[in-house]
Amino acid sequence: MEKAFRVVLSDSRGGLRVAATDEWTLLEDTIREYTELDSNDDQSLGEVGRLLVRSAGFVAFAFKEINGG
C-alpha cells in the first residue's frame, strides 16, 4: 500500500493533532518547535514550493495510507 505525506503546522503542539485529522497519522518523532520557519527551497526537487512562517509554532510530518499505485 502506498502512503501520502504532508507537512502539518500549528501554533501549539496539541493543534498538530487537530490539524492532522483522523485519516492522517502524525509522526510524533518529527514534531519540532520553531520560532520562525523557512524551507529555503533550493529547487533540487523541482518546483515544490517554499514554506515561510514568521511566527512561532510547531511542525511535523503526517501520513495516510492510499489505495492504488
PDB file of N, CA and C in Angstrom:
ATOM      1  N   MET A   1       0.832  -1.178   0.000  1.00  0.00           N
ATOM      2  CA  MET A   1       0.000   0.000   0.000  1.00  0.00           C
ATOM      3  C   MET A   1       0.882   1.249   0.000  1.00  0.00           C
ATOM      4  N   GLU A   2       0.481   2.242  -0.728  1.00  0.00           N
ATOM      5  CA  GLU A   2       1.232   3.491  -0.814  1.00  0.00           C
ATOM      6  C   GLU A   2       0.818   4.446   0.295  1.00  0.00           C
ATOM      7  N   LYS A   3       1.695   5.420   0.555  1.00  0.00           N
ATOM      8  CA  LYS A   3       1.420   6.422   1.573  1.00  0.00           C
ATOM      9  C   LYS A   3       1.523   7.808   0.959  1.00  0.00           C
ATOM     10  N   ALA A   4       0.683   8.703   1.431  1.00  0.00           N
ATOM     11  CA  ALA A   4       0.773  10.114   1.104  1.00  0.00           C
ATOM     12  C   ALA A   4       1.296  10.820   2.346  1.00  0.00           C
ATOM     13  N   PHE A   5       2.119  11.840   2.154  1.00  0.00           N
ATOM     14  CA  PHE A   5       2.691  12.579   3.272  1.00  0.00           C
ATOM     15  C   PHE A   5       2.301  14.043   3.176  1.00  0.00           C
ATOM     16  N   ARG A   6       2.268  14.711   4.339  1.00  0.00           N
ATOM     17  CA  ARG A   6       2.013  16.141   4.369  1.00  0.00           C
ATOM     18  C   ARG A   6       2.749  16.764   5.544  1.00  0.00           C
ATOM     19  N   VAL A   7       3.012  18.042   5.406  1.00  0.00           N
ATOM     20  CA  VAL A   7       3.591  18.833   6.487  1.00  0.00           C
ATOM     21  C   VAL A   7       2.427  19.453   7.246  1.00  0.00           C
ATOM     22  N   VAL A   8       2.457  19.332   8.565  1.00  0.00           N
ATOM     23  CA  VAL A   8       1.391  19.869   9.404  1.00  0.00           C
ATOM     24  C   VAL A   8       1.979  20.977  10.274  1.00  0.00           C
ATOM     25  N   LEU A   9       1.306  22.123  10.296  1.00  0.00           N
ATOM     26  CA  LEU A   9       1.747  23.272  11.088  1.00  0.00           C
ATOM     27  C   LEU A   9       0.663  23.688  12.058  1.00  0.00           C
ATOM     28  N   SER A  10       1.084  24.162  13.227  1.00  0.00           N
ATOM     29  CA  SER A  10       0.137  24.678  14.205  1.00  0.00           C
ATOM     30  C   SER A  10       0.860  25.621  15.151  1.00  0.00           C
ATOM     31  N   ASP A  11       0.106  26.477  15.814  1.00  0.00           N
ATOM     32  CA  ASP A  11       0.721  27.363  16.805  1.00  0.00           C
ATOM     33  C   ASP A  11       0.887  26.682  18.155  1.00  0.00           C
ATOM     34  N   SER A  12       0.377  25.432  18.295  1.00  0.00           N
ATOM     35  CA  SER A  12       0.548  24.673  19.540  1.00  0.00           C
ATOM     36  C   SER A  12       0.797  23.202  19.213  1.00  0.00           C
ATOM     37  N   ARG A  13       1.420  22.488  20.144  1.00  0.00           N
ATOM     38  CA  ARG A  13       1.682  21.063  19.945  1.00  0.00           C
ATOM     39  C   ARG A  13       0.368  20.288  19.790  1.00  0.00           C
ATOM     40  N   GLY A  14      -0.602  20.581  20.626  1.00  0.00           N
ATOM     41  CA  GLY A  14      -1.901  19.915  20.546  1.00  0.00           C
ATOM     42  C   GLY A  14      -2.623  20.203  19.235  1.00  0.00           C
ATOM     43  N   GLY A  15      -2.400  21.381  18.705  1.00  0.00           N
ATOM     44  CA  GLY A  15      -3.030  21.757  17.446  1.00  0.00           C
ATOM     45  C   GLY A  15      -2.561  20.917  16.276  1.00  0.00           C
ATOM     46  N   LEU A  16      -1.364  20.346  16.366  1.00  0.00           N
ATOM     47  CA  LEU A  16      -0.876  19.467  15.298  1.00  0.00           C
ATOM     48  C   LEU A  16      -1.802  18.269  15.121  1.00  0.00           C
ATOM     49  N   ARG A  17      -2.250  17.700  16.231  1.00  0.00           N
ATOM     50  CA  ARG A  17      -3.142  16.528  16.165  1.00  0.00           C
ATOM     51  C   ARG A  17      -4.487  16.904  15.544  1.00  0.00           C
ATOM     52  N   VAL A  18      -4.969  18.080  15.865  1.00  0.00           N
ATOM     53  CA  VAL A  18      -6.229  18.554  15.289  1.00  0.00           C
ATOM     54  C   VAL A  18      -6.052  18.806  13.791  1.00  0.00           C
ATOM     55  N   ALA A  19      -4.939  19.428  13.412  1.00  0.00           N
ATOM     56  CA  ALA A  19      -4.685  19.741  12.008  1.00  0.00           C
ATOM     57  C   ALA A  19      -4.481  18.485  11.173  1.00  0.00           C
ATOM     58  N   ALA A  20      -3.934  17.421  11.768  1.00  0.00           N
ATOM     59  CA  ALA A  20      -3.688  16.183  11.030  1.00  0.00           C
ATOM     60  C   ALA A  20      -4.992  15.459  10.703  1.00  0.00           C
ATOM     61  N   THR A  21      -6.029  15.634  11.443  1.00  0.00           N
ATOM     62  CA  THR A  21      -7.338  14.981  11.318  1.00  0.00           C
ATOM     63  C   THR A  21      -7.242  13.467  11.530  1.00  0.00           C
ATOM     64  N   ASP A  22      -8.371  12.807  11.576  1.00  0.00           N
ATOM     65  CA  ASP A  22      -8.422  11.381  11.888  1.00  0.00           C
ATOM     66  C   ASP A  22      -7.791  10.492  10.824  1.00  0.00           C
ATOM     67  N   GLU A  23      -7.872  10.879   9.558  1.00  0.00           N
ATOM     68  CA  GLU A  23      -7.359   9.999   8.500  1.00  0.00           C
ATOM     69  C   GLU A  23      -5.839  10.071   8.360  1.00  0.00           C
ATOM     70  N   TRP A  24      -5.206  11.049   8.973  1.00  0.00           N
ATOM     71  CA  TRP A  24      -3.754  11.222   8.902  1.00  0.00           C
ATOM     72  C   TRP A  24      -3.125  10.779  10.218  1.00  0.00           C
ATOM     73  N   THR A  25      -1.987  10.099  10.126  1.00  0.00           N
ATOM     74  CA  THR A  25      -1.236   9.680  11.302  1.00  0.00           C
ATOM     75  C   THR A  25      -0.054  10.617  11.484  1.00  0.00           C
ATOM     76  N   LEU A  26      -0.029  11.286  12.615  1.00  0.00           N
ATOM     77  CA  LEU A  26       1.049  12.212  12.917  1.00  0.00           C
ATOM     78  C   LEU A  26       2.289  11.427  13.329  1.00  0.00           C
ATOM     79  N   LEU A  27       3.415  11.723  12.720  1.00  0.00           N
ATOM     80  CA  LEU A  27       4.675  11.065  13.075  1.00  0.00           C
ATOM     81  C   LEU A  27       5.290  11.831  14.248  1.00  0.00           C
ATOM     82  N   GLU A  28       5.062  11.315  15.445  1.00  0.00           N
ATOM     83  CA  GLU A  28       5.434  12.001  16.689  1.00  0.00           C
ATOM     84  C   GLU A  28       6.913  12.372  16.751  1.00  0.00           C
ATOM     85  N   ASP A  29       7.772  11.524  16.207  1.00  0.00           N
ATOM     86  CA  ASP A  29       9.212  11.799  16.294  1.00  0.00           C
ATOM     87  C   ASP A  29       9.671  12.892  15.334  1.00  0.00           C
ATOM     88  N   THR A  30       8.753  13.440  14.525  1.00  0.00           N
ATOM     89  CA  THR A  30       9.115  14.537  13.630  1.00  0.00           C
ATOM     90  C   THR A  30       8.661  15.893  14.158  1.00  0.00           C
ATOM     91  N   ILE A  31       7.979  15.924  15.291  1.00  0.00           N
ATOM     92  CA  ILE A  31       7.485  17.183  15.847  1.00  0.00           C
ATOM     93  C   ILE A  31       8.662  18.060  16.268  1.00  0.00           C
ATOM     94  N   ARG A  32       8.647  19.292  15.772  1.00  0.00           N
ATOM     95  CA  ARG A  32       9.690  20.259  16.111  1.00  0.00           C
ATOM     96  C   ARG A  32       9.047  21.606  16.409  1.00  0.00           C
ATOM     97  N   GLU A  33       9.572  22.274  17.427  1.00  0.00           N
ATOM     98  CA  GLU A  33       9.147  23.636  17.728  1.00  0.00           C
ATOM     99  C   GLU A  33      10.048  24.601  16.963  1.00  0.00           C
ATOM    100  N   TYR A  34       9.491  25.716  16.523  1.00  0.00           N
ATOM    101  CA  TYR A  34      10.286  26.713  15.811  1.00  0.00           C
ATOM    102  C   TYR A  34       9.856  28.109  16.227  1.00  0.00           C
ATOM    103  N   THR A  35      10.765  29.064  16.067  1.00  0.00           N
ATOM    104  CA  THR A  35      10.424  30.469  16.285  1.00  0.00           C
ATOM    105  C   THR A  35      10.052  31.131  14.969  1.00  0.00           C
ATOM    106  N   GLU A  36      10.719  30.738  13.896  1.00  0.00           N
ATOM    107  CA  GLU A  36      10.383  31.081  12.521  1.00  0.00           C
ATOM    108  C   GLU A  36      10.736  29.879  11.672  1.00  0.00           C
ATOM    109  N   LEU A  37      10.103  29.738  10.518  1.00  0.00           N
ATOM    110  CA  LEU A  37      10.350  28.573   9.677  1.00  0.00           C
ATOM    111  C   LEU A  37      10.462  29.012   8.228  1.00  0.00           C
ATOM    112  N   ASP A  38      11.551  28.586   7.577  1.00  0.00           N
ATOM    113  CA  ASP A  38      11.750  28.888   6.158  1.00  0.00           C
ATOM    114  C   ASP A  38      12.367  27.657   5.516  1.00  0.00           C
ATOM    115  N   SER A  39      11.651  27.032   4.595  1.00  0.00           N
ATOM    116  CA  SER A  39      12.159  25.827   3.954  1.00  0.00           C
ATOM    117  C   SER A  39      13.319  26.121   3.016  1.00  0.00           C
ATOM    118  N   ASN A  40      13.457  27.394   2.601  1.00  0.00           N
ATOM    119  CA  ASN A  40      14.577  27.795   1.753  1.00  0.00           C
ATOM    120  C   ASN A  40      14.758  26.823   0.589  1.00  0.00           C
ATOM    121  N   ASP A  41      13.692  26.578  -0.148  1.00  0.00           N
ATOM    122  CA  ASP A  41      13.680  25.609  -1.249  1.00  0.00           C
ATOM    123  C   ASP A  41      14.791  25.905  -2.252  1.00  0.00           C
ATOM    124  N   ASP A  42      15.680  24.937  -2.459  1.00  0.00           N
ATOM    125  CA  ASP A  42      16.797  25.117  -3.394  1.00  0.00           C
ATOM    126  C   ASP A  42      16.484  24.607  -4.798  1.00  0.00           C
ATOM    127  N   GLN A  43      15.230  24.209  -5.049  1.00  0.00           N
ATOM    128  CA  GLN A  43      14.762  23.740  -6.348  1.00  0.00           C
ATOM    129  C   GLN A  43      15.391  22.413  -6.798  1.00  0.00           C
ATOM    130  N   SER A  44      16.107  21.714  -5.905  1.00  0.00           N
ATOM    131  CA  SER A  44      16.727  20.442  -6.285  1.00  0.00           C
ATOM    132  C   SER A  44      15.685  19.353  -6.537  1.00  0.00           C
ATOM    133  N   LEU A  45      14.477  19.516  -6.021  1.00  0.00           N
ATOM    134  CA  LEU A  45      13.403  18.551  -6.248  1.00  0.00           C
ATOM    135  C   LEU A  45      12.373  19.078  -7.244  1.00  0.00           C
ATOM    136  N   GLY A  46      12.712  20.133  -7.939  1.00  0.00           N
ATOM    137  CA  GLY A  46      11.757  20.732  -8.855  1.00  0.00           C
ATOM    138  C   GLY A  46      10.996  21.849  -8.166  1.00  0.00           C
ATOM    139  N   GLU A  47       9.861  22.186  -8.725  1.00  0.00           N
ATOM    140  CA  GLU A  47       9.047  23.295  -8.220  1.00  0.00           C
ATOM    141  C   GLU A  47       8.104  22.799  -7.124  1.00  0.00           C
ATOM    142  N   VAL A  48       8.638  22.548  -5.914  1.00  0.00           N
ATOM    143  CA  VAL A  48       7.814  22.037  -4.818  1.00  0.00           C
ATOM    144  C   VAL A  48       7.271  23.144  -3.929  1.00  0.00           C
ATOM    145  N   GLY A  49       7.764  24.348  -4.110  1.00  0.00           N
ATOM    146  CA  GLY A  49       7.267  25.479  -3.343  1.00  0.00           C
ATOM    147  C   GLY A  49       8.096  25.752  -2.101  1.00  0.00           C
ATOM    148  N   ARG A  50       7.774  26.841  -1.467  1.00  0.00           N
ATOM    149  CA  ARG A  50       8.505  27.291  -0.289  1.00  0.00           C
ATOM    150  C   ARG A  50       7.538  27.408   0.873  1.00  0.00           C
ATOM    151  N   LEU A  51       8.019  27.097   2.064  1.00  0.00           N
ATOM    152  CA  LEU A  51       7.242  27.229   3.279  1.00  0.00           C
ATOM    153  C   LEU A  51       7.904  28.302   4.123  1.00  0.00           C
ATOM    154  N   LEU A  52       7.201  29.397   4.385  1.00  0.00           N
ATOM    155  CA  LEU A  52       7.740  30.508   5.144  1.00  0.00           C
ATOM    156  C   LEU A  52       6.732  30.918   6.211  1.00  0.00           C
ATOM    157  N   VAL A  53       7.132  30.822   7.476  1.00  0.00           N
ATOM    158  CA  VAL A  53       6.276  31.197   8.603  1.00  0.00           C
ATOM    159  C   VAL A  53       7.075  32.147   9.480  1.00  0.00           C
ATOM    160  N   ARG A  54       6.511  33.302   9.758  1.00  0.00           N
ATOM    161  CA  ARG A  54       7.247  34.321  10.512  1.00  0.00           C
ATOM    162  C   ARG A  54       6.773  34.445  11.953  1.00  0.00           C
ATOM    163  N   SER A  55       6.182  33.390  12.498  1.00  0.00           N
ATOM    164  CA  SER A  55       5.764  33.379  13.899  1.00  0.00           C
ATOM    165  C   SER A  55       6.085  32.002  14.489  1.00  0.00           C
ATOM    166  N   ALA A  56       6.086  31.912  15.789  1.00  0.00           N
ATOM    167  CA  ALA A  56       6.435  30.665  16.481  1.00  0.00           C
ATOM    168  C   ALA A  56       5.342  29.614  16.317  1.00  0.00           C
ATOM    169  N   GLY A  57       5.737  28.351  16.385  1.00  0.00           N
ATOM    170  CA  GLY A  57       4.773  27.266  16.287  1.00  0.00           C
ATOM    171  C   GLY A  57       5.441  25.912  16.302  1.00  0.00           C
ATOM    172  N   PHE A  58       4.707  24.921  15.813  1.00  0.00           N
ATOM    173  CA  PHE A  58       5.176  23.540  15.765  1.00  0.00           C
ATOM    174  C   PHE A  58       4.955  22.993  14.359  1.00  0.00           C
ATOM    175  N   VAL A  59       5.849  22.106  13.929  1.00  0.00           N
ATOM    176  CA  VAL A  59       5.756  21.476  12.627  1.00  0.00           C
ATOM    177  C   VAL A  59       5.993  19.981  12.786  1.00  0.00           C
ATOM    178  N   ALA A  60       5.362  19.179  11.938  1.00  0.00           N
ATOM    179  CA  ALA A  60       5.556  17.728  11.952  1.00  0.00           C
ATOM    180  C   ALA A  60       5.126  17.175  10.591  1.00  0.00           C
ATOM    181  N   PHE A  61       5.484  15.921  10.357  1.00  0.00           N
ATOM    182  CA  PHE A  61       5.006  15.206   9.179  1.00  0.00           C
ATOM    183  C   PHE A  61       3.866  14.295   9.589  1.00  0.00           C
ATOM    184  N   ALA A  62       2.942  14.068   8.659  1.00  0.00           N
ATOM    185  CA  ALA A  62       1.845  13.123   8.857  1.00  0.00           C
ATOM    186  C   ALA A  62       1.716  12.296   7.578  1.00  0.00           C
ATOM    187  N   PHE A  63       1.140  11.106   7.718  1.00  0.00           N
ATOM    188  CA  PHE A  63       0.934  10.263   6.545  1.00  0.00           C
ATOM    189  C   PHE A  63      -0.427   9.591   6.624  1.00  0.00           C
ATOM    190  N   LYS A  64      -0.879   9.108   5.467  1.00  0.00           N
ATOM    191  CA  LYS A  64      -2.081   8.262   5.429  1.00  0.00           C
ATOM    192  C   LYS A  64      -1.870   7.228   4.341  1.00  0.00           C
ATOM    193  N   GLU A  65      -2.489   6.091   4.520  1.00  0.00           N
ATOM    194  CA  GLU A  65      -2.450   5.013   3.528  1.00  0.00           C
ATOM    195  C   GLU A  65      -3.377   5.388   2.390  1.00  0.00           C
ATOM    196  N   ILE A  66      -2.921   5.157   1.153  1.00  0.00           N
ATOM    197  CA  ILE A  66      -3.771   5.434  -0.012  1.00  0.00           C
ATOM    198  C   ILE A  66      -3.851   4.203  -0.875  1.00  0.00           C
ATOM    199  N   ASN A  67      -4.950   4.022  -1.547  1.00  0.00           N
ATOM    200  CA  ASN A  67      -5.142   2.887  -2.461  1.00  0.00           C
ATOM    201  C   ASN A  67      -4.596   3.224  -3.838  1.00  0.00           C
ATOM    202  N   GLY A  68      -4.355   2.217  -4.600  1.00  0.00           N
ATOM    203  CA  GLY A  68      -3.894   2.418  -5.965  1.00  0.00           C
ATOM    204  C   GLY A  68      -2.383   2.391  -6.053  1.00  0.00           C
ATOM    205  N   GLY A  69      -1.882   2.859  -7.152  1.00  0.00           N
ATOM    206  CA  GLY A  69      -0.436   2.927  -7.278  1.00  0.00           C
ATOM    207  C   GLY A  69       0.070   2.378  -8.507  1.00  0.00           C
TER     208      GLY A  69
END
